[in-house]
Amino acid sequence: MAMVGLFWITEDSVYVGSPPDAEGHCVRITSEGVQARGPDGIRAWPWSILRSAGVNAAPVEGNARGGGRFLAAVLEAVVTLGSSYGGEEPPQMYLVLETQDGAEEVRVPAATRGYTSHEITLSQRLLARFREGTADPRTLTTWSRDHSGGTPKPPEREALLREWTHA
């Protein structure tokens, strides 16, 4: 398992934000579209009906916070599977999905207390490419199967996102 940008990547799944919590609540990205599993059940949006997909309110890592604190937050998310941050709820962000019927927001716990601004921008581009059909989430799961080092450092995460977006 590893975090790259706004995505939590396992060998067989890509999630926005945190991996599934203890109840299995999560937002999963597949080649077919977006699946949200929450207290009200499972909802799905095929890429073909989405006009746009983006994340709002992703927490930004401040310059005063060191990489050690960032990696500690990631480790904490792994250990608790996003269920808590030392007694606090994890920061919330929103996946905004727009169809011809309007926009819907899906609340997503962040995997960390802050992402780099470059990761957020590149992750938004990758989401757009998934929606356009010019990128496939299977690229990320293939990378995860081949990568066993956990979450890469910020420069490596940004390089991966640039590669995946062809930017």
N, C-alpha and C. Protein backbone atom coordinates (compact mmCIF):
# COMPACT_ATOMS: atom_id res chain seq x y z
N MET A 1 0.84 -1.18 0.00
CA MET A 1 0.00 0.00 0.00
C MET A 1 0.88 1.24 0.00
N ALA A 2 0.42 2.25 -0.73
CA ALA A 2 1.19 3.49 -0.79
C ALA A 2 0.25 4.65 -1.11
N MET A 3 0.65 5.82 -0.65
CA MET A 3 -0.07 7.03 -0.99
C MET A 3 0.75 7.76 -2.05
N VAL A 4 0.08 8.12 -3.14
CA VAL A 4 0.71 8.95 -4.17
C VAL A 4 -0.32 10.02 -4.51
N GLY A 5 -0.01 11.26 -4.17
CA GLY A 5 -0.97 12.34 -4.38
C GLY A 5 -2.21 12.09 -3.56
N LEU A 6 -3.35 12.35 -4.14
CA LEU A 6 -4.63 12.18 -3.44
C LEU A 6 -5.12 10.73 -3.48
N PHE A 7 -4.28 9.82 -3.95
CA PHE A 7 -4.69 8.43 -4.14
C PHE A 7 -3.99 7.49 -3.16
N TRP A 8 -4.76 6.54 -2.66
CA TRP A 8 -4.23 5.45 -1.85
C TRP A 8 -4.26 4.24 -2.78
N ILE A 9 -3.09 3.63 -2.99
CA ILE A 9 -2.97 2.59 -4.01
C ILE A 9 -2.58 1.27 -3.37
N THR A 10 -3.34 0.23 -3.68
CA THR A 10 -2.99 -1.13 -3.27
C THR A 10 -2.69 -1.93 -4.54
N GLU A 11 -2.41 -3.21 -4.38
CA GLU A 11 -2.11 -4.04 -5.54
C GLU A 11 -3.33 -4.27 -6.43
N ASP A 12 -4.54 -4.03 -5.89
CA ASP A 12 -5.73 -4.29 -6.71
C ASP A 12 -6.75 -3.16 -6.71
N SER A 13 -6.47 -2.04 -6.01
CA SER A 13 -7.44 -0.95 -5.96
C SER A 13 -6.77 0.41 -5.86
N VAL A 14 -7.49 1.42 -6.36
CA VAL A 14 -7.07 2.81 -6.22
C VAL A 14 -8.21 3.53 -5.51
N TYR A 15 -7.88 4.23 -4.42
CA TYR A 15 -8.87 4.96 -3.64
C TYR A 15 -8.54 6.44 -3.67
N VAL A 16 -9.56 7.28 -3.56
CA VAL A 16 -9.35 8.70 -3.35
C VAL A 16 -9.27 8.88 -1.84
N GLY A 17 -8.22 9.55 -1.37
CA GLY A 17 -8.05 9.77 0.06
C GLY A 17 -7.61 8.50 0.76
N SER A 18 -8.28 8.18 1.84
CA SER A 18 -7.91 7.05 2.69
C SER A 18 -8.36 5.72 2.10
N PRO A 19 -7.70 4.64 2.53
CA PRO A 19 -8.19 3.32 2.19
C PRO A 19 -9.52 3.07 2.92
N PRO A 20 -10.20 1.98 2.63
CA PRO A 20 -11.47 1.70 3.33
C PRO A 20 -11.30 1.72 4.85
N ASP A 21 -12.29 2.29 5.54
CA ASP A 21 -12.24 2.29 7.00
C ASP A 21 -12.73 0.93 7.52
N ALA A 22 -12.88 0.82 8.82
CA ALA A 22 -13.28 -0.45 9.43
C ALA A 22 -14.62 -0.97 8.91
N GLU A 23 -15.51 -0.06 8.49
CA GLU A 23 -16.82 -0.46 7.96
C GLU A 23 -16.79 -0.65 6.45
N GLY A 24 -15.63 -0.42 5.83
CA GLY A 24 -15.51 -0.58 4.38
C GLY A 24 -15.89 0.65 3.59
N HIS A 25 -16.12 1.79 4.25
CA HIS A 25 -16.47 3.03 3.55
C HIS A 25 -15.25 3.57 2.82
N CYS A 26 -15.42 3.93 1.57
CA CYS A 26 -14.31 4.41 0.76
C CYS A 26 -14.83 4.96 -0.57
N VAL A 27 -13.94 5.57 -1.32
CA VAL A 27 -14.23 5.97 -2.69
C VAL A 27 -13.15 5.33 -3.55
N ARG A 28 -13.59 4.46 -4.42
CA ARG A 28 -12.68 3.66 -5.25
C ARG A 28 -12.77 4.14 -6.70
N ILE A 29 -11.61 4.20 -7.34
CA ILE A 29 -11.51 4.57 -8.75
C ILE A 29 -11.21 3.29 -9.53
N THR A 30 -12.01 3.03 -10.57
CA THR A 30 -11.78 1.86 -11.41
C THR A 30 -11.69 2.30 -12.86
N SER A 31 -11.39 1.39 -13.73
CA SER A 31 -11.36 1.69 -15.17
C SER A 31 -12.74 2.09 -15.67
N GLU A 32 -13.78 1.62 -15.00
CA GLU A 32 -15.16 1.91 -15.41
C GLU A 32 -15.69 3.23 -14.85
N GLY A 33 -15.16 3.66 -13.69
CA GLY A 33 -15.67 4.89 -13.10
C GLY A 33 -15.36 4.99 -11.62
N VAL A 34 -16.25 5.67 -10.90
CA VAL A 34 -16.08 5.95 -9.47
C VAL A 34 -17.12 5.16 -8.69
N GLN A 35 -16.69 4.53 -7.60
CA GLN A 35 -17.60 3.81 -6.71
C GLN A 35 -17.43 4.35 -5.30
N ALA A 36 -18.52 4.76 -4.69
CA ALA A 36 -18.48 5.25 -3.32
C ALA A 36 -19.26 4.28 -2.44
N ARG A 37 -18.61 3.81 -1.39
CA ARG A 37 -19.27 2.93 -0.44
C ARG A 37 -19.35 3.66 0.89
N GLY A 38 -20.59 3.89 1.34
CA GLY A 38 -20.79 4.63 2.59
C GLY A 38 -21.93 4.04 3.38
N PRO A 39 -22.35 4.75 4.41
CA PRO A 39 -23.42 4.26 5.27
C PRO A 39 -24.73 4.00 4.52
N ASP A 40 -24.93 4.69 3.40
CA ASP A 40 -26.16 4.52 2.62
C ASP A 40 -26.02 3.48 1.50
N GLY A 41 -24.92 2.74 1.50
CA GLY A 41 -24.73 1.72 0.47
C GLY A 41 -23.69 2.14 -0.56
N ILE A 42 -23.76 1.49 -1.71
CA ILE A 42 -22.79 1.73 -2.78
C ILE A 42 -23.43 2.55 -3.88
N ARG A 43 -22.72 3.59 -4.30
CA ARG A 43 -23.15 4.38 -5.45
C ARG A 43 -22.04 4.34 -6.49
N ALA A 44 -22.43 4.42 -7.75
CA ALA A 44 -21.43 4.34 -8.82
C ALA A 44 -21.73 5.36 -9.91
N TRP A 45 -20.66 5.90 -10.49
CA TRP A 45 -20.75 6.85 -11.60
C TRP A 45 -19.80 6.37 -12.69
N PRO A 46 -20.29 5.90 -13.82
CA PRO A 46 -19.39 5.54 -14.92
C PRO A 46 -18.70 6.80 -15.46
N TRP A 47 -17.48 6.63 -15.93
CA TRP A 47 -16.76 7.78 -16.50
C TRP A 47 -17.58 8.42 -17.62
N SER A 48 -18.30 7.62 -18.37
CA SER A 48 -19.03 8.14 -19.53
C SER A 48 -20.11 9.17 -19.19
N ILE A 49 -20.61 9.16 -17.95
CA ILE A 49 -21.66 10.13 -17.60
C ILE A 49 -21.10 11.35 -16.86
N LEU A 50 -19.82 11.31 -16.53
CA LEU A 50 -19.23 12.41 -15.77
C LEU A 50 -18.71 13.50 -16.70
N ARG A 51 -19.16 14.71 -16.44
CA ARG A 51 -18.64 15.88 -17.16
C ARG A 51 -17.32 16.33 -16.54
N SER A 52 -17.20 16.14 -15.23
CA SER A 52 -15.96 16.47 -14.53
C SER A 52 -15.90 15.69 -13.22
N ALA A 53 -14.68 15.56 -12.73
CA ALA A 53 -14.42 14.92 -11.43
C ALA A 53 -13.22 15.64 -10.83
N GLY A 54 -13.37 16.11 -9.60
CA GLY A 54 -12.27 16.80 -8.95
C GLY A 54 -12.42 16.75 -7.45
N VAL A 55 -11.35 17.08 -6.76
CA VAL A 55 -11.35 17.05 -5.30
C VAL A 55 -11.25 18.48 -4.79
N ASN A 56 -12.15 18.84 -3.89
CA ASN A 56 -12.13 20.14 -3.22
C ASN A 56 -11.72 19.95 -1.77
N ALA A 57 -11.10 20.97 -1.22
CA ALA A 57 -10.75 21.04 0.20
C ALA A 57 -9.70 20.03 0.62
N ALA A 58 -8.83 19.60 -0.31
CA ALA A 58 -7.73 18.72 0.08
C ALA A 58 -6.79 19.51 0.99
N PRO A 59 -6.42 18.94 2.13
CA PRO A 59 -5.54 19.67 3.04
C PRO A 59 -4.15 19.84 2.43
N VAL A 60 -3.59 21.04 2.54
CA VAL A 60 -2.27 21.34 1.97
C VAL A 60 -1.24 21.30 3.08
N GLU A 61 -0.15 20.59 2.82
CA GLU A 61 0.96 20.50 3.77
C GLU A 61 1.61 21.87 3.87
N GLY A 62 1.70 22.41 5.07
CA GLY A 62 2.31 23.72 5.28
C GLY A 62 3.82 23.63 5.23
N ASN A 63 4.44 24.73 4.89
CA ASN A 63 5.90 24.76 4.80
C ASN A 63 6.56 24.53 6.15
N ALA A 64 5.87 24.84 7.24
CA ALA A 64 6.45 24.68 8.57
C ALA A 64 6.50 23.22 9.01
N ARG A 65 5.70 22.41 8.39
CA ARG A 65 5.67 20.99 8.78
C ARG A 65 6.77 20.26 8.04
N GLY A 66 7.50 19.46 8.76
CA GLY A 66 8.59 18.70 8.15
C GLY A 66 8.09 17.41 7.55
N GLY A 67 8.96 16.82 6.72
CA GLY A 67 8.64 15.56 6.08
C GLY A 67 8.39 14.45 7.08
N GLY A 68 9.08 14.52 8.25
CA GLY A 68 8.87 13.50 9.27
C GLY A 68 7.45 13.49 9.79
N ARG A 69 6.89 14.67 10.01
CA ARG A 69 5.49 14.75 10.46
C ARG A 69 4.55 14.24 9.38
N PHE A 70 4.89 14.56 8.12
CA PHE A 70 4.06 14.11 7.00
C PHE A 70 4.06 12.58 6.94
N LEU A 71 5.25 11.98 7.01
CA LEU A 71 5.33 10.52 6.95
C LEU A 71 4.70 9.88 8.17
N ALA A 72 4.79 10.53 9.33
CA ALA A 72 4.12 10.00 10.52
C ALA A 72 2.61 9.98 10.32
N ALA A 73 2.07 11.01 9.69
CA ALA A 73 0.62 11.05 9.42
C ALA A 73 0.23 9.94 8.45
N VAL A 74 1.07 9.69 7.45
CA VAL A 74 0.79 8.61 6.50
C VAL A 74 0.82 7.27 7.23
N LEU A 75 1.83 7.04 8.05
CA LEU A 75 1.92 5.80 8.82
C LEU A 75 0.71 5.64 9.72
N GLU A 76 0.28 6.73 10.34
CA GLU A 76 -0.90 6.68 11.20
C GLU A 76 -2.13 6.28 10.40
N ALA A 77 -2.24 6.79 9.18
CA ALA A 77 -3.39 6.42 8.34
C ALA A 77 -3.35 4.94 8.01
N VAL A 78 -2.16 4.40 7.78
CA VAL A 78 -2.03 2.97 7.49
C VAL A 78 -2.44 2.15 8.70
N VAL A 79 -1.93 2.52 9.86
CA VAL A 79 -2.20 1.74 11.07
C VAL A 79 -3.68 1.77 11.42
N THR A 80 -4.30 2.94 11.31
CA THR A 80 -5.69 3.07 11.71
C THR A 80 -6.65 2.91 10.55
N LEU A 81 -6.12 2.73 9.33
CA LEU A 81 -6.94 2.66 8.11
C LEU A 81 -7.89 3.85 8.01
N GLY A 82 -7.36 5.02 8.37
CA GLY A 82 -8.12 6.25 8.21
C GLY A 82 -9.21 6.45 9.24
N SER A 83 -9.29 5.60 10.25
CA SER A 83 -10.40 5.71 11.20
C SER A 83 -10.21 6.82 12.22
N SER A 84 -8.98 7.20 12.51
CA SER A 84 -8.77 8.28 13.46
C SER A 84 -7.36 8.81 13.33
N TYR A 85 -7.16 10.02 13.83
CA TYR A 85 -5.86 10.65 13.87
C TYR A 85 -5.59 11.02 15.31
N GLY A 86 -5.15 10.05 16.10
CA GLY A 86 -4.87 10.33 17.49
C GLY A 86 -6.08 10.86 18.24
N GLY A 87 -7.25 10.29 17.98
CA GLY A 87 -8.47 10.73 18.63
C GLY A 87 -9.23 11.77 17.83
N GLU A 88 -8.60 12.34 16.82
CA GLU A 88 -9.26 13.33 15.96
C GLU A 88 -9.72 12.65 14.68
N GLU A 89 -10.76 13.20 14.08
CA GLU A 89 -11.18 12.72 12.77
C GLU A 89 -10.15 13.17 11.74
N PRO A 90 -9.89 12.37 10.71
CA PRO A 90 -8.96 12.82 9.67
C PRO A 90 -9.56 14.01 8.93
N PRO A 91 -8.70 14.84 8.34
CA PRO A 91 -9.23 15.95 7.55
C PRO A 91 -10.14 15.41 6.44
N GLN A 92 -11.19 16.17 6.15
CA GLN A 92 -12.14 15.76 5.12
C GLN A 92 -11.91 16.56 3.84
N MET A 93 -12.06 15.90 2.73
CA MET A 93 -12.06 16.57 1.44
C MET A 93 -13.26 16.05 0.69
N TYR A 94 -13.55 16.63 -0.46
CA TYR A 94 -14.78 16.29 -1.18
C TYR A 94 -14.47 15.98 -2.63
N LEU A 95 -14.90 14.81 -3.07
CA LEU A 95 -14.83 14.45 -4.47
C LEU A 95 -16.10 15.01 -5.11
N VAL A 96 -15.94 15.92 -6.06
CA VAL A 96 -17.07 16.56 -6.71
C VAL A 96 -17.22 15.94 -8.10
N LEU A 97 -18.38 15.32 -8.31
CA LEU A 97 -18.67 14.63 -9.56
C LEU A 97 -19.81 15.35 -10.25
N GLU A 98 -19.56 15.83 -11.47
CA GLU A 98 -20.59 16.56 -12.20
C GLU A 98 -21.11 15.72 -13.36
N THR A 99 -22.44 15.58 -13.40
CA THR A 99 -23.12 14.90 -14.50
C THR A 99 -24.07 15.91 -15.14
N GLN A 100 -24.80 15.48 -16.14
CA GLN A 100 -25.78 16.39 -16.76
C GLN A 100 -26.87 16.80 -15.79
N ASP A 101 -27.05 16.03 -14.71
CA ASP A 101 -28.07 16.34 -13.71
C ASP A 101 -27.57 17.28 -12.62
N GLY A 102 -26.30 17.65 -12.66
CA GLY A 102 -25.75 18.54 -11.65
C GLY A 102 -24.54 17.93 -10.96
N ALA A 103 -24.08 18.59 -9.93
CA ALA A 103 -22.88 18.14 -9.21
C ALA A 103 -23.27 17.46 -7.90
N GLU A 104 -22.50 16.45 -7.56
CA GLU A 104 -22.65 15.75 -6.29
C GLU A 104 -21.32 15.75 -5.58
N GLU A 105 -21.36 15.97 -4.27
CA GLU A 105 -20.16 15.91 -3.46
C GLU A 105 -20.16 14.63 -2.65
N VAL A 106 -19.03 13.95 -2.66
CA VAL A 106 -18.85 12.74 -1.86
C VAL A 106 -17.73 13.05 -0.87
N ARG A 107 -18.06 12.97 0.41
CA ARG A 107 -17.06 13.25 1.44
C ARG A 107 -16.05 12.11 1.49
N VAL A 108 -14.77 12.49 1.56
CA VAL A 108 -13.68 11.53 1.56
C VAL A 108 -12.68 11.91 2.64
N PRO A 109 -12.37 11.01 3.56
CA PRO A 109 -11.31 11.31 4.53
C PRO A 109 -9.96 11.36 3.81
N ALA A 110 -9.16 12.36 4.11
CA ALA A 110 -7.81 12.46 3.55
C ALA A 110 -6.93 11.39 4.18
N ALA A 111 -5.92 10.96 3.45
CA ALA A 111 -5.00 9.96 3.98
C ALA A 111 -3.94 10.59 4.87
N THR A 112 -3.83 11.90 4.82
CA THR A 112 -2.83 12.62 5.60
C THR A 112 -3.37 13.99 5.99
N ARG A 113 -2.67 14.66 6.87
CA ARG A 113 -3.08 16.00 7.28
C ARG A 113 -2.73 17.05 6.24
N GLY A 114 -1.91 16.69 5.26
CA GLY A 114 -1.58 17.65 4.22
C GLY A 114 -0.83 17.04 3.06
N TYR A 115 -1.23 17.42 1.86
CA TYR A 115 -0.58 17.01 0.62
C TYR A 115 0.20 18.21 0.08
N THR A 116 1.22 17.97 -0.74
CA THR A 116 1.90 19.11 -1.36
C THR A 116 0.97 19.71 -2.41
N SER A 117 1.12 20.99 -2.66
CA SER A 117 0.27 21.64 -3.65
C SER A 117 0.47 21.03 -5.04
N HIS A 118 1.70 20.61 -5.34
CA HIS A 118 1.97 19.96 -6.65
C HIS A 118 1.23 18.63 -6.75
N GLU A 119 1.22 17.86 -5.66
CA GLU A 119 0.49 16.58 -5.67
C GLU A 119 -1.00 16.80 -5.92
N ILE A 120 -1.55 17.83 -5.31
CA ILE A 120 -2.98 18.11 -5.50
C ILE A 120 -3.25 18.45 -6.96
N THR A 121 -2.45 19.35 -7.53
CA THR A 121 -2.64 19.76 -8.92
C THR A 121 -2.49 18.57 -9.87
N LEU A 122 -1.44 17.78 -9.68
CA LEU A 122 -1.20 16.63 -10.56
C LEU A 122 -2.28 15.56 -10.37
N SER A 123 -2.76 15.38 -9.13
CA SER A 123 -3.82 14.41 -8.88
C SER A 123 -5.11 14.83 -9.58
N GLN A 124 -5.40 16.13 -9.57
CA GLN A 124 -6.59 16.63 -10.27
C GLN A 124 -6.46 16.34 -11.77
N ARG A 125 -5.27 16.55 -12.33
CA ARG A 125 -5.05 16.24 -13.75
C ARG A 125 -5.26 14.76 -14.03
N LEU A 126 -4.77 13.91 -13.12
CA LEU A 126 -4.92 12.48 -13.33
C LEU A 126 -6.39 12.07 -13.26
N LEU A 127 -7.14 12.63 -12.33
CA LEU A 127 -8.58 12.37 -12.27
C LEU A 127 -9.26 12.76 -13.59
N ALA A 128 -8.87 13.92 -14.12
CA ALA A 128 -9.44 14.37 -15.40
C ALA A 128 -9.07 13.39 -16.52
N ARG A 129 -7.87 12.89 -16.50
CA ARG A 129 -7.45 11.93 -17.55
C ARG A 129 -8.20 10.61 -17.41
N PHE A 130 -8.46 10.18 -16.17
CA PHE A 130 -9.29 8.97 -15.98
C PHE A 130 -10.66 9.20 -16.61
N ARG A 131 -11.25 10.37 -16.33
CA ARG A 131 -12.58 10.68 -16.85
C ARG A 131 -12.57 10.74 -18.38
N GLU A 132 -11.53 11.30 -18.95
CA GLU A 132 -11.42 11.42 -20.41
C GLU A 132 -11.11 10.10 -21.09
N GLY A 133 -10.64 9.12 -20.31
CA GLY A 133 -10.26 7.84 -20.88
C GLY A 133 -8.84 7.82 -21.42
N THR A 134 -8.03 8.83 -21.07
CA THR A 134 -6.65 8.89 -21.56
C THR A 134 -5.64 8.39 -20.53
N ALA A 135 -6.14 7.94 -19.39
CA ALA A 135 -5.32 7.27 -18.36
C ALA A 135 -6.20 6.19 -17.74
N ASP A 136 -5.56 5.18 -17.17
CA ASP A 136 -6.29 4.05 -16.61
C ASP A 136 -5.77 3.76 -15.20
N PRO A 137 -6.66 3.61 -14.22
CA PRO A 137 -6.23 3.32 -12.85
C PRO A 137 -5.41 2.03 -12.73
N ARG A 138 -5.53 1.14 -13.70
CA ARG A 138 -4.73 -0.10 -13.65
C ARG A 138 -3.24 0.18 -13.72
N THR A 139 -2.86 1.32 -14.29
CA THR A 139 -1.44 1.72 -14.31
C THR A 139 -0.94 1.89 -12.88
N LEU A 140 -1.77 2.44 -12.02
CA LEU A 140 -1.39 2.67 -10.63
C LEU A 140 -1.31 1.35 -9.85
N THR A 141 -2.25 0.45 -10.08
CA THR A 141 -2.21 -0.83 -9.37
C THR A 141 -1.04 -1.68 -9.86
N THR A 142 -0.70 -1.58 -11.13
CA THR A 142 0.47 -2.30 -11.65
C THR A 142 1.73 -1.76 -10.97
N TRP A 143 1.82 -0.43 -10.85
CA TRP A 143 2.95 0.16 -10.15
C TRP A 143 3.01 -0.37 -8.72
N SER A 144 1.88 -0.44 -8.04
CA SER A 144 1.85 -0.90 -6.65
C SER A 144 2.34 -2.35 -6.53
N ARG A 145 1.95 -3.19 -7.46
CA ARG A 145 2.41 -4.58 -7.43
C ARG A 145 3.92 -4.67 -7.61
N ASP A 146 4.47 -3.76 -8.41
CA ASP A 146 5.91 -3.79 -8.69
C ASP A 146 6.73 -3.03 -7.65
N HIS A 147 6.07 -2.23 -6.81
CA HIS A 147 6.73 -1.37 -5.85
C HIS A 147 6.45 -1.90 -4.44
N SER A 148 7.49 -2.15 -3.69
CA SER A 148 7.27 -2.69 -2.34
C SER A 148 7.84 -1.79 -1.26
N GLY A 149 8.12 -0.54 -1.59
CA GLY A 149 8.78 0.33 -0.63
C GLY A 149 7.87 1.23 0.16
N GLY A 150 6.56 1.02 0.13
CA GLY A 150 5.65 1.90 0.86
C GLY A 150 5.47 3.22 0.13
N THR A 151 5.09 4.24 0.87
CA THR A 151 4.83 5.55 0.29
C THR A 151 6.14 6.26 -0.05
N PRO A 152 6.30 6.64 -1.32
CA PRO A 152 7.52 7.36 -1.71
C PRO A 152 7.55 8.77 -1.10
N LYS A 153 8.71 9.39 -1.14
CA LYS A 153 8.87 10.76 -0.66
C LYS A 153 8.20 11.71 -1.66
N PRO A 154 7.87 12.95 -1.22
CA PRO A 154 7.15 13.89 -2.09
C PRO A 154 7.72 14.06 -3.49
N PRO A 155 9.02 14.24 -3.68
CA PRO A 155 9.50 14.41 -5.06
C PRO A 155 9.23 13.17 -5.95
N GLU A 156 9.34 11.99 -5.35
CA GLU A 156 9.06 10.76 -6.11
C GLU A 156 7.57 10.63 -6.42
N ARG A 157 6.73 11.01 -5.48
CA ARG A 157 5.28 10.97 -5.72
C ARG A 157 4.91 11.91 -6.85
N GLU A 158 5.47 13.11 -6.82
CA GLU A 158 5.19 14.08 -7.88
C GLU A 158 5.68 13.58 -9.23
N ALA A 159 6.85 12.94 -9.25
CA ALA A 159 7.38 12.39 -10.51
C ALA A 159 6.47 11.29 -11.05
N LEU A 160 5.96 10.44 -10.17
CA LEU A 160 5.03 9.39 -10.59
C LEU A 160 3.75 10.01 -11.17
N LEU A 161 3.21 11.00 -10.50
CA LEU A 161 1.99 11.64 -10.99
C LEU A 161 2.23 12.30 -12.34
N ARG A 162 3.40 12.93 -12.53
CA ARG A 162 3.72 13.53 -13.83
C ARG A 162 3.80 12.44 -14.90
N GLU A 163 4.40 11.32 -14.55
CA GLU A 163 4.49 10.20 -15.51
C GLU A 163 3.09 9.68 -15.87
N TRP A 164 2.25 9.51 -14.87
CA TRP A 164 0.92 8.97 -15.10
C TRP A 164 0.00 9.94 -15.86
N THR A 165 0.28 11.24 -15.74
CA THR A 165 -0.53 12.22 -16.47
C THR A 165 0.13 12.60 -17.79
N HIS A 166 1.32 12.09 -18.00
CA HIS A 166 2.10 12.42 -19.20
C HIS A 166 2.37 13.91 -19.28
N ALA A 167 2.54 14.52 -18.09
CA ALA A 167 2.77 15.98 -18.06
C ALA A 167 4.26 16.29 -18.10
